[in-house]
């Protein structure tokens, strides 16, 4: 299968999962690999290393493993696409970009990259969560947050990009994606799943905050709106680990678009294998 691809997400710096991933990648020799965010260890532990001798996960582990793989696989080395997720500290983005220059991977947040007749574009931001790290959080379609969540203007950030975040929304970002990008041949990698699908169901049943029921769907309404209006070829997601357990769904169609999530709650590594020419026949395996 010449257009065979692998998709993983939400590894959260767990070396045992990465080791399974690298062994499988070397064995399968896919055309392309997609990593959908939340790739690094805990944001607090990783971002605020206590001393110079603490290991740097991006350089000391991730880049080293991909470099070794590239040397071993030679012409069989796949095209690698990655984005960050809400638990990845943005202070590490510089290291990701530096190793991108060495040909190890393509960092596709807010950037389109070609692969054969297709294009790949990524977007890391998610709607507000209950978590404190806000590097990759924005308001969704308006300046509101669900009960129990912390606004993106609060919490903490590891990186100041100098932009005003008070009125920034995911919807505005997605509306700025160029119209000349051929949607019928574009794969979008979003860390957040689209709202009210089988991919964004959180384990929040029965939870009330200040007498308000918490919505059990926690994906992005702006991303769903974008998919339904622009109809990209394929979208890849992560973020909500328990959703496939609660819904039994990791793949579905929104209008014409095939959507898939590699987020997984169990102890193993969830890997999605798909063909660029027929992604609806994708299969999920657990390693």
C-alpha atoms as a PDB file:
ATOM      1  CA  UNK A   1       0.000   0.000   0.000  1.00  0.00           C
ATOM      2  CA  UNK A   2       1.916   3.000  -1.271  1.00  0.00           C
ATOM      3  CA  UNK A   3      -0.197   5.609   0.522  1.00  0.00           C
ATOM      4  CA  UNK A   4      -0.363   3.870   3.902  1.00  0.00           C
ATOM      5  CA  UNK A   5      -0.214   6.210   6.941  1.00  0.00           C
ATOM      6  CA  UNK A   6      -0.114   6.003  10.741  1.00  0.00           C
ATOM      7  CA  UNK A   7      -1.787   8.382  13.179  1.00  0.00           C
ATOM      8  CA  UNK A   8      -1.152   8.636  16.946  1.00  0.00           C
ATOM      9  CA  UNK A   9      -2.005  11.249  19.544  1.00  0.00           C
ATOM     10  CA  UNK A  10      -1.819  12.008  23.256  1.00  0.00           C
ATOM     11  CA  UNK A  11       1.324  10.052  24.113  1.00  0.00           C
ATOM     12  CA  UNK A  12       2.059  12.551  26.917  1.00  0.00           C
ATOM     13  CA  UNK A  13       5.780  11.756  26.971  1.00  0.00           C
ATOM     14  CA  UNK A  14       5.225   8.126  28.009  1.00  0.00           C
ATOM     15  CA  UNK A  15       8.374   6.414  26.835  1.00  0.00           C
ATOM     16  CA  UNK A  16       6.859   2.918  26.867  1.00  0.00           C
ATOM     17  CA  UNK A  17       4.251   4.064  24.348  1.00  0.00           C
ATOM     18  CA  UNK A  18       6.824   5.850  22.226  1.00  0.00           C
ATOM     19  CA  UNK A  19       9.010   2.743  22.142  1.00  0.00           C
ATOM     20  CA  UNK A  20       6.072   0.666  20.841  1.00  0.00           C
ATOM     21  CA  UNK A  21       5.327   3.385  18.313  1.00  0.00           C
ATOM     22  CA  UNK A  22       8.902   3.529  16.998  1.00  0.00           C
ATOM     23  CA  UNK A  23       9.174  -0.266  16.708  1.00  0.00           C
ATOM     24  CA  UNK A  24       5.887  -0.422  14.815  1.00  0.00           C
ATOM     25  CA  UNK A  25       6.844   2.476  12.559  1.00  0.00           C
ATOM     26  CA  UNK A  26      10.138   0.833  11.588  1.00  0.00           C
ATOM     27  CA  UNK A  27       8.409  -2.457  10.903  1.00  0.00           C
ATOM     28  CA  UNK A  28       5.471  -1.046   8.904  1.00  0.00           C
ATOM     29  CA  UNK A  29       7.352   1.579   6.851  1.00  0.00           C
ATOM     30  CA  UNK A  30       4.409   3.922   6.211  1.00  0.00           C
ATOM     31  CA  UNK A  31       4.435   6.753   3.708  1.00  0.00           C
ATOM     32  CA  UNK A  32       3.513   9.262   6.402  1.00  0.00           C
ATOM     33  CA  UNK A  33       3.104   9.564  10.176  1.00  0.00           C
ATOM     34  CA  UNK A  34       0.788  12.022  11.944  1.00  0.00           C
ATOM     35  CA  UNK A  35       1.259  12.993  15.619  1.00  0.00           C
ATOM     36  CA  UNK A  36      -1.792  14.855  16.884  1.00  0.00           C
ATOM     37  CA  UNK A  37      -0.586  16.716  19.973  1.00  0.00           C
ATOM     38  CA  UNK A  38      -0.052  16.211  23.718  1.00  0.00           C
ATOM     39  CA  UNK A  39       3.292  14.673  22.824  1.00  0.00           C
ATOM     40  CA  UNK A  40       5.429  15.811  25.779  1.00  0.00           C
ATOM     41  CA  UNK A  41       5.574  14.926  29.480  1.00  0.00           C
ATOM     42  CA  UNK A  42       3.447  16.793  32.018  1.00  0.00           C
ATOM     43  CA  UNK A  43       3.514  20.493  31.257  1.00  0.00           C
ATOM     44  CA  UNK A  44       4.577  21.469  34.763  1.00  0.00           C
ATOM     45  CA  UNK A  45       7.343  18.892  35.087  1.00  0.00           C
ATOM     46  CA  UNK A  46       8.667  19.506  31.614  1.00  0.00           C
ATOM     47  CA  UNK A  47       8.423  23.272  31.290  1.00  0.00           C
ATOM     48  CA  UNK A  48      10.001  24.265  34.543  1.00  0.00           C
ATOM     49  CA  UNK A  49      13.007  21.966  34.715  1.00  0.00           C
ATOM     50  CA  UNK A  50      14.752  22.507  38.028  1.00  0.00           C
ATOM     51  CA  UNK A  51      18.287  22.470  36.687  1.00  0.00           C
ATOM     52  CA  UNK A  52      20.460  22.397  33.591  1.00  0.00           C
ATOM     53  CA  UNK A  53      21.089  18.665  33.977  1.00  0.00           C
ATOM     54  CA  UNK A  54      17.425  17.762  33.646  1.00  0.00           C
ATOM     55  CA  UNK A  55      16.774  15.977  30.329  1.00  0.00           C
ATOM     56  CA  UNK A  56      15.076  17.836  27.491  1.00  0.00           C
ATOM     57  CA  UNK A  57      12.425  15.500  26.084  1.00  0.00           C
ATOM     58  CA  UNK A  58      12.266  17.112  22.630  1.00  0.00           C
ATOM     59  CA  UNK A  59      16.020  17.125  21.973  1.00  0.00           C
ATOM     60  CA  UNK A  60      17.326  14.312  24.165  1.00  0.00           C
ATOM     61  CA  UNK A  61      14.600  11.800  23.401  1.00  0.00           C
ATOM     62  CA  UNK A  62      12.199  12.674  20.593  1.00  0.00           C
ATOM     63  CA  UNK A  63      14.667  14.176  18.105  1.00  0.00           C
ATOM     64  CA  UNK A  64      17.288  11.543  18.907  1.00  0.00           C
ATOM     65  CA  UNK A  65      14.841   8.692  18.282  1.00  0.00           C
ATOM     66  CA  UNK A  66      13.620  10.167  15.009  1.00  0.00           C
ATOM     67  CA  UNK A  67      17.195  10.859  13.884  1.00  0.00           C
ATOM     68  CA  UNK A  68      18.206   7.261  14.611  1.00  0.00           C
ATOM     69  CA  UNK A  69      15.148   6.039  12.761  1.00  0.00           C
ATOM     70  CA  UNK A  70      15.945   8.244   9.783  1.00  0.00           C
ATOM     71  CA  UNK A  71      19.479   6.870   9.567  1.00  0.00           C
ATOM     72  CA  UNK A  72      18.219   3.299   9.865  1.00  0.00           C
ATOM     73  CA  UNK A  73      15.272   3.551   7.459  1.00  0.00           C
ATOM     74  CA  UNK A  74      17.055   5.737   4.881  1.00  0.00           C
ATOM     75  CA  UNK A  75      14.770   6.109   1.823  1.00  0.00           C
ATOM     76  CA  UNK A  76      11.939   4.391   3.694  1.00  0.00           C
ATOM     77  CA  UNK A  77      11.815   7.143   6.342  1.00  0.00           C
ATOM     78  CA  UNK A  78       8.249   8.499   6.355  1.00  0.00           C
ATOM     79  CA  UNK A  79       7.088  12.055   6.080  1.00  0.00           C
ATOM     80  CA  UNK A  80       6.287  13.090   9.668  1.00  0.00           C
ATOM     81  CA  UNK A  81       3.662  15.711  10.548  1.00  0.00           C
ATOM     82  CA  UNK A  82       3.084  16.954  14.090  1.00  0.00           C
ATOM     83  CA  UNK A  83       1.319  19.558  16.185  1.00  0.00           C
ATOM     84  CA  UNK A  84       1.217  20.321  19.900  1.00  0.00           C
ATOM     85  CA  UNK A  85      -1.784  19.920  22.201  1.00  0.00           C
ATOM     86  CA  UNK A  86      -3.092  21.737  25.260  1.00  0.00           C
ATOM     87  CA  UNK A  87      -0.747  19.882  27.643  1.00  0.00           C
ATOM     88  CA  UNK A  88       2.373  20.698  25.599  1.00  0.00           C
ATOM     89  CA  UNK A  89       4.231  23.802  26.849  1.00  0.00           C
ATOM     90  CA  UNK A  90       4.721  26.256  24.013  1.00  0.00           C
ATOM     91  CA  UNK A  91       8.175  27.129  25.318  1.00  0.00           C
ATOM     92  CA  UNK A  92       9.249  23.865  23.613  1.00  0.00           C
ATOM     93  CA  UNK A  93       8.021  25.032  20.199  1.00  0.00           C
ATOM     94  CA  UNK A  94      11.433  26.549  19.386  1.00  0.00           C
ATOM     95  CA  UNK A  95      13.110  23.150  19.782  1.00  0.00           C
ATOM     96  CA  UNK A  96      10.474  21.520  17.573  1.00  0.00           C
ATOM     97  CA  UNK A  97      11.106  24.130  14.856  1.00  0.00           C
ATOM     98  CA  UNK A  98      14.881  23.735  15.183  1.00  0.00           C
ATOM     99  CA  UNK A  99      14.713  19.986  14.603  1.00  0.00           C
ATOM    100  CA  UNK A 100      12.249  20.509  11.766  1.00  0.00           C
ATOM    101  CA  UNK A 101      15.097  22.274   9.933  1.00  0.00           C
ATOM    102  CA  UNK A 102      17.059  19.000  10.123  1.00  0.00           C
ATOM    103  CA  UNK A 103      14.355  17.192   8.185  1.00  0.00           C
ATOM    104  CA  UNK A 104      13.085  15.091  11.087  1.00  0.00           C
ATOM    105  CA  UNK A 105       9.482  16.247  10.893  1.00  0.00           C
ATOM    106  CA  UNK A 106       7.067  18.893   9.619  1.00  0.00           C
ATOM    107  CA  UNK A 107       5.561  21.147  12.277  1.00  0.00           C
ATOM    108  CA  UNK A 108       2.199  22.024  10.715  1.00  0.00           C
ATOM    109  CA  UNK A 109       0.423  24.257  13.248  1.00  0.00           C
ATOM    110  CA  UNK A 110      -1.137  26.994  11.091  1.00  0.00           C
ATOM    111  CA  UNK A 111       0.908  25.794   8.114  1.00  0.00           C
ATOM    112  CA  UNK A 112       0.081  23.694   5.047  1.00  0.00           C
ATOM    113  CA  UNK A 113       2.585  21.134   3.742  1.00  0.00           C
ATOM    114  CA  UNK A 114       2.209  18.984   0.627  1.00  0.00           C
ATOM    115  CA  UNK A 115       2.401  15.206   0.470  1.00  0.00           C
ATOM    116  CA  UNK A 116       1.927  13.968  -3.069  1.00  0.00           C
ATOM    117  CA  UNK A 117      -1.441  15.194  -4.349  1.00  0.00           C
ATOM    118  CA  UNK A 118      -2.610  16.071  -0.824  1.00  0.00           C
ATOM    119  CA  UNK A 119      -2.018  18.883   1.650  1.00  0.00           C
ATOM    120  CA  UNK A 120      -1.669  18.635   5.443  1.00  0.00           C
ATOM    121  CA  UNK A 121      -2.455  21.490   7.813  1.00  0.00           C
ATOM    122  CA  UNK A 122      -2.551  21.509  11.615  1.00  0.00           C
ATOM    123  CA  UNK A 123      -4.161  23.517  14.383  1.00  0.00           C
ATOM    124  CA  UNK A 124      -3.269  23.002  18.042  1.00  0.00           C
ATOM    125  CA  UNK A 125      -5.686  25.232  19.977  1.00  0.00           C
ATOM    126  CA  UNK A 126      -8.546  23.783  22.027  1.00  0.00           C
ATOM    127  CA  UNK A 127     -11.506  25.464  23.782  1.00  0.00           C
ATOM    128  CA  UNK A 128     -11.017  26.369  27.480  1.00  0.00           C
ATOM    129  CA  UNK A 129     -10.424  23.417  29.820  1.00  0.00           C
ATOM    130  CA  UNK A 130     -10.292  23.030  33.628  1.00  0.00           C
ATOM    131  CA  UNK A 131      -6.485  22.828  33.391  1.00  0.00           C
ATOM    132  CA  UNK A 132      -4.095  25.652  34.255  1.00  0.00           C
ATOM    133  CA  UNK A 133      -1.722  25.650  31.270  1.00  0.00           C
ATOM    134  CA  UNK A 134      -3.194  28.033  28.669  1.00  0.00           C
ATOM    135  CA  UNK A 135      -0.523  28.091  25.938  1.00  0.00           C
ATOM    136  CA  UNK A 136      -2.831  26.294  23.498  1.00  0.00           C
ATOM    137  CA  UNK A 137      -6.275  27.381  24.653  1.00  0.00           C
ATOM    138  CA  UNK A 138      -8.597  29.983  23.125  1.00  0.00           C
ATOM    139  CA  UNK A 139     -12.231  30.885  23.350  1.00  0.00           C
ATOM    140  CA  UNK A 140     -14.164  28.756  20.880  1.00  0.00           C
ATOM    141  CA  UNK A 141     -16.793  30.823  19.046  1.00  0.00           C
ATOM    142  CA  UNK A 142     -17.300  33.565  21.634  1.00  0.00           C
ATOM    143  CA  UNK A 143     -15.913  34.766  24.962  1.00  0.00           C
ATOM    144  CA  UNK A 144     -17.599  32.149  27.134  1.00  0.00           C
ATOM    145  CA  UNK A 145     -16.417  29.033  28.950  1.00  0.00           C
ATOM    146  CA  UNK A 146     -18.252  25.942  30.127  1.00  0.00           C
ATOM    147  CA  UNK A 147     -18.919  25.601  33.881  1.00  0.00           C
ATOM    148  CA  UNK A 148     -15.831  24.278  35.648  1.00  0.00           C
ATOM    149  CA  UNK A 149     -13.402  25.488  32.982  1.00  0.00           C
ATOM    150  CA  UNK A 150     -10.796  28.234  33.397  1.00  0.00           C
ATOM    151  CA  UNK A 151     -10.766  31.111  30.878  1.00  0.00           C
ATOM    152  CA  UNK A 152      -7.703  31.357  28.627  1.00  0.00           C
ATOM    153  CA  UNK A 153      -6.956  34.765  30.150  1.00  0.00           C
ATOM    154  CA  UNK A 154      -6.276  33.060  33.499  1.00  0.00           C
ATOM    155  CA  UNK A 155      -4.042  30.114  34.403  1.00  0.00           C
ATOM    156  CA  UNK A 156      -0.428  30.353  33.249  1.00  0.00           C
ATOM    157  CA  UNK A 157       1.593  30.418  30.035  1.00  0.00           C
ATOM    158  CA  UNK A 158       5.139  29.325  29.315  1.00  0.00           C
ATOM    159  CA  UNK A 159       5.510  31.593  26.309  1.00  0.00           C
ATOM    160  CA  UNK A 160       4.377  35.149  25.542  1.00  0.00           C
ATOM    161  CA  UNK A 161       3.789  35.606  21.834  1.00  0.00           C
ATOM    162  CA  UNK A 162       2.843  39.252  22.330  1.00  0.00           C
ATOM    163  CA  UNK A 163      -0.692  38.848  20.970  1.00  0.00           C
ATOM    164  CA  UNK A 164      -3.844  39.985  22.732  1.00  0.00           C
ATOM    165  CA  UNK A 165      -5.763  36.872  23.748  1.00  0.00           C
ATOM    166  CA  UNK A 166      -8.849  38.412  25.346  1.00  0.00           C
ATOM    167  CA  UNK A 167     -10.940  38.417  22.171  1.00  0.00           C
ATOM    168  CA  UNK A 168      -9.122  35.734  20.211  1.00  0.00           C
ATOM    169  CA  UNK A 169     -11.259  32.762  19.146  1.00  0.00           C
ATOM    170  CA  UNK A 170     -10.774  29.467  17.366  1.00  0.00           C
ATOM    171  CA  UNK A 171     -13.542  30.487  14.953  1.00  0.00           C
ATOM    172  CA  UNK A 172     -11.623  33.615  13.893  1.00  0.00           C
ATOM    173  CA  UNK A 173      -8.452  31.602  13.348  1.00  0.00           C
ATOM    174  CA  UNK A 174     -10.211  29.031  11.172  1.00  0.00           C
ATOM    175  CA  UNK A 175     -12.014  31.734   9.204  1.00  0.00           C
ATOM    176  CA  UNK A 176      -8.593  33.072   8.184  1.00  0.00           C
ATOM    177  CA  UNK A 177      -7.533  29.818   6.481  1.00  0.00           C
ATOM    178  CA  UNK A 178      -7.025  30.688   2.789  1.00  0.00           C
ATOM    179  CA  UNK A 179      -9.887  29.931   0.414  1.00  0.00           C
ATOM    180  CA  UNK A 180      -7.454  28.652  -2.219  1.00  0.00           C
ATOM    181  CA  UNK A 181      -6.481  25.615  -0.127  1.00  0.00           C
ATOM    182  CA  UNK A 182      -8.104  22.676  -1.981  1.00  0.00           C
ATOM    183  CA  UNK A 183     -10.321  21.203   0.740  1.00  0.00           C
ATOM    184  CA  UNK A 184     -11.133  18.073  -1.253  1.00  0.00           C
ATOM    185  CA  UNK A 185      -7.455  17.102  -0.952  1.00  0.00           C
ATOM    186  CA  UNK A 186      -6.551  18.595   2.448  1.00  0.00           C
ATOM    187  CA  UNK A 187      -6.025  16.680   5.693  1.00  0.00           C
ATOM    188  CA  UNK A 188      -6.463  18.762   8.849  1.00  0.00           C
ATOM    189  CA  UNK A 189      -4.908  17.682  12.129  1.00  0.00           C
ATOM    190  CA  UNK A 190      -6.766  19.339  15.008  1.00  0.00           C
ATOM    191  CA  UNK A 191      -5.920  18.513  18.619  1.00  0.00           C
ATOM    192  CA  UNK A 192      -9.524  19.197  19.626  1.00  0.00           C
ATOM    193  CA  UNK A 193     -12.313  17.037  18.214  1.00  0.00           C
ATOM    194  CA  UNK A 194     -15.440  18.648  16.762  1.00  0.00           C
ATOM    195  CA  UNK A 195     -18.303  19.368  19.148  1.00  0.00           C
ATOM    196  CA  UNK A 196     -21.185  16.919  19.674  1.00  0.00           C
ATOM    197  CA  UNK A 197     -19.692  13.911  17.915  1.00  0.00           C
ATOM    198  CA  UNK A 198     -18.608  10.470  19.036  1.00  0.00           C
ATOM    199  CA  UNK A 199     -15.084  11.877  19.401  1.00  0.00           C
ATOM    200  CA  UNK A 200     -15.622  14.529  22.102  1.00  0.00           C
ATOM    201  CA  UNK A 201     -17.624  12.807  24.837  1.00  0.00           C
ATOM    202  CA  UNK A 202     -16.160  13.436  28.319  1.00  0.00           C
ATOM    203  CA  UNK A 203     -16.900  11.471  31.503  1.00  0.00           C
ATOM    204  CA  UNK A 204     -18.946  14.258  33.098  1.00  0.00           C
ATOM    205  CA  UNK A 205     -22.356  12.625  33.503  1.00  0.00           C
ATOM    206  CA  UNK A 206     -24.290  13.984  36.455  1.00  0.00           C
ATOM    207  CA  UNK A 207     -21.729  16.643  37.313  1.00  0.00           C
ATOM    208  CA  UNK A 208     -23.215  19.984  38.310  1.00  0.00           C
ATOM    209  CA  UNK A 209     -21.394  23.243  39.000  1.00  0.00           C
ATOM    210  CA  UNK A 210     -23.417  25.998  40.610  1.00  0.00           C
ATOM    211  CA  UNK A 211     -26.633  24.152  39.688  1.00  0.00           C
ATOM    212  CA  UNK A 212     -25.702  24.025  35.998  1.00  0.00           C
ATOM    213  CA  UNK A 213     -25.366  20.673  34.273  1.00  0.00           C
ATOM    214  CA  UNK A 214     -21.969  20.312  32.618  1.00  0.00           C
ATOM    215  CA  UNK A 215     -22.159  19.486  28.911  1.00  0.00           C
ATOM    216  CA  UNK A 216     -20.680  16.026  28.363  1.00  0.00           C
ATOM    217  CA  UNK A 217     -19.500  17.080  24.880  1.00  0.00           C
ATOM    218  CA  UNK A 218     -16.339  19.158  25.169  1.00  0.00           C
ATOM    219  CA  UNK A 219     -15.057  19.504  21.622  1.00  0.00           C
ATOM    220  CA  UNK A 220     -14.880  22.658  19.527  1.00  0.00           C
ATOM    221  CA  UNK A 221     -18.034  24.083  17.954  1.00  0.00           C
ATOM    222  CA  UNK A 222     -15.808  26.227  15.717  1.00  0.00           C
ATOM    223  CA  UNK A 223     -13.992  23.155  14.405  1.00  0.00           C
ATOM    224  CA  UNK A 224     -17.300  21.404  13.714  1.00  0.00           C
ATOM    225  CA  UNK A 225     -18.557  24.528  11.956  1.00  0.00           C
ATOM    226  CA  UNK A 226     -15.367  24.649   9.861  1.00  0.00           C
ATOM    227  CA  UNK A 227     -15.692  20.974   8.865  1.00  0.00           C
ATOM    228  CA  UNK A 228     -19.352  21.317   7.889  1.00  0.00           C
ATOM    229  CA  UNK A 229     -18.793  24.525   5.910  1.00  0.00           C
ATOM    230  CA  UNK A 230     -15.415  23.887   4.250  1.00  0.00           C
ATOM    231  CA  UNK A 231     -15.671  20.071   3.923  1.00  0.00           C
ATOM    232  CA  UNK A 232     -12.004  19.035   4.139  1.00  0.00           C
ATOM    233  CA  UNK A 233     -11.072  15.571   2.898  1.00  0.00           C
ATOM    234  CA  UNK A 234     -10.056  14.164   6.292  1.00  0.00           C
ATOM    235  CA  UNK A 235      -9.634  15.461   9.844  1.00  0.00           C
ATOM    236  CA  UNK A 236      -7.512  13.881  12.597  1.00  0.00           C
ATOM    237  CA  UNK A 237      -8.130  14.570  16.303  1.00  0.00           C
ATOM    238  CA  UNK A 238      -7.152  13.640  19.875  1.00  0.00           C
ATOM    239  CA  UNK A 239      -7.569  15.323  23.290  1.00  0.00           C
ATOM    240  CA  UNK A 240     -10.545  13.466  24.850  1.00  0.00           C
ATOM    241  CA  UNK A 241      -9.078  10.149  25.994  1.00  0.00           C
ATOM    242  CA  UNK A 242     -12.254   8.495  27.282  1.00  0.00           C
ATOM    243  CA  UNK A 243     -14.541   9.357  24.382  1.00  0.00           C
ATOM    244  CA  UNK A 244     -14.169   6.117  22.426  1.00  0.00           C
ATOM    245  CA  UNK A 245     -14.898   4.099  25.580  1.00  0.00           C
ATOM    246  CA  UNK A 246     -18.058   6.082  26.244  1.00  0.00           C
ATOM    247  CA  UNK A 247     -19.365   6.179  22.676  1.00  0.00           C
ATOM    248  CA  UNK A 248     -17.749   3.148  21.046  1.00  0.00           C
ATOM    249  CA  UNK A 249     -16.724   5.500  18.237  1.00  0.00           C
ATOM    250  CA  UNK A 250     -13.290   6.641  17.100  1.00  0.00           C
ATOM    251  CA  UNK A 251     -14.203   7.324  13.449  1.00  0.00           C
ATOM    252  CA  UNK A 252     -17.261   8.935  11.875  1.00  0.00           C
ATOM    253  CA  UNK A 253     -18.365  11.165   9.007  1.00  0.00           C
ATOM    254  CA  UNK A 254     -19.505  14.771   9.275  1.00  0.00           C
ATOM    255  CA  UNK A 255     -21.256  15.420   5.997  1.00  0.00           C
ATOM    256  CA  UNK A 256     -18.552  14.559   3.429  1.00  0.00           C
ATOM    257  CA  UNK A 257     -15.598  14.660   5.834  1.00  0.00           C
ATOM    258  CA  UNK A 258     -14.113  11.612   7.532  1.00  0.00           C
ATOM    259  CA  UNK A 259     -13.084  12.381  11.129  1.00  0.00           C
ATOM    260  CA  UNK A 260     -10.903  10.156  13.318  1.00  0.00           C
ATOM    261  CA  UNK A 261      -9.497  10.334  16.859  1.00  0.00           C
ATOM    262  CA  UNK A 262      -6.419   8.505  18.153  1.00  0.00           C
ATOM    263  CA  UNK A 263      -6.958   9.578  21.779  1.00  0.00           C
ATOM    264  CA  UNK A 264      -7.186   6.500  24.025  1.00  0.00           C
ATOM    265  CA  UNK A 265      -7.880   5.975  27.698  1.00  0.00           C
ATOM    266  CA  UNK A 266      -6.406   2.504  28.177  1.00  0.00           C
ATOM    267  CA  UNK A 267      -2.862   1.453  29.112  1.00  0.00           C
ATOM    268  CA  UNK A 268      -1.832   0.590  25.551  1.00  0.00           C
ATOM    269  CA  UNK A 269      -0.988   2.727  22.531  1.00  0.00           C
ATOM    270  CA  UNK A 270      -3.821   3.347  20.072  1.00  0.00           C
ATOM    271  CA  UNK A 271      -2.596   3.526  16.492  1.00  0.00           C
ATOM    272  CA  UNK A 272      -4.768   4.329  13.486  1.00  0.00           C
ATOM    273  CA  UNK A 273      -3.706   2.845  10.154  1.00  0.00           C
ATOM    274  CA  UNK A 274      -5.253   4.420   7.073  1.00  0.00           C
ATOM    275  CA  UNK A 275      -4.806   4.857   3.359  1.00  0.00           C
ATOM    276  CA  UNK A 276      -4.705   8.364   1.913  1.00  0.00           C
ATOM    277  CA  UNK A 277      -6.816   7.207  -1.035  1.00  0.00           C
ATOM    278  CA  UNK A 278      -9.536   5.586   1.118  1.00  0.00           C
ATOM    279  CA  UNK A 279      -9.294   6.731   4.757  1.00  0.00           C
ATOM    280  CA  UNK A 280     -12.773   5.483   5.710  1.00  0.00           C
ATOM    281  CA  UNK A 281     -11.368   1.943   5.686  1.00  0.00           C
ATOM    282  CA  UNK A 282      -9.006   2.920   8.532  1.00  0.00           C
ATOM    283  CA  UNK A 283      -8.446   0.478  11.364  1.00  0.00           C
ATOM    284  CA  UNK A 284      -7.447   1.142  14.957  1.00  0.00           C
ATOM    285  CA  UNK A 285      -5.037  -1.213  16.664  1.00  0.00           C
ATOM    286  CA  UNK A 286      -3.959  -1.199  20.298  1.00  0.00           C
ATOM    287  CA  UNK A 287      -0.318  -2.021  20.999  1.00  0.00           C
END
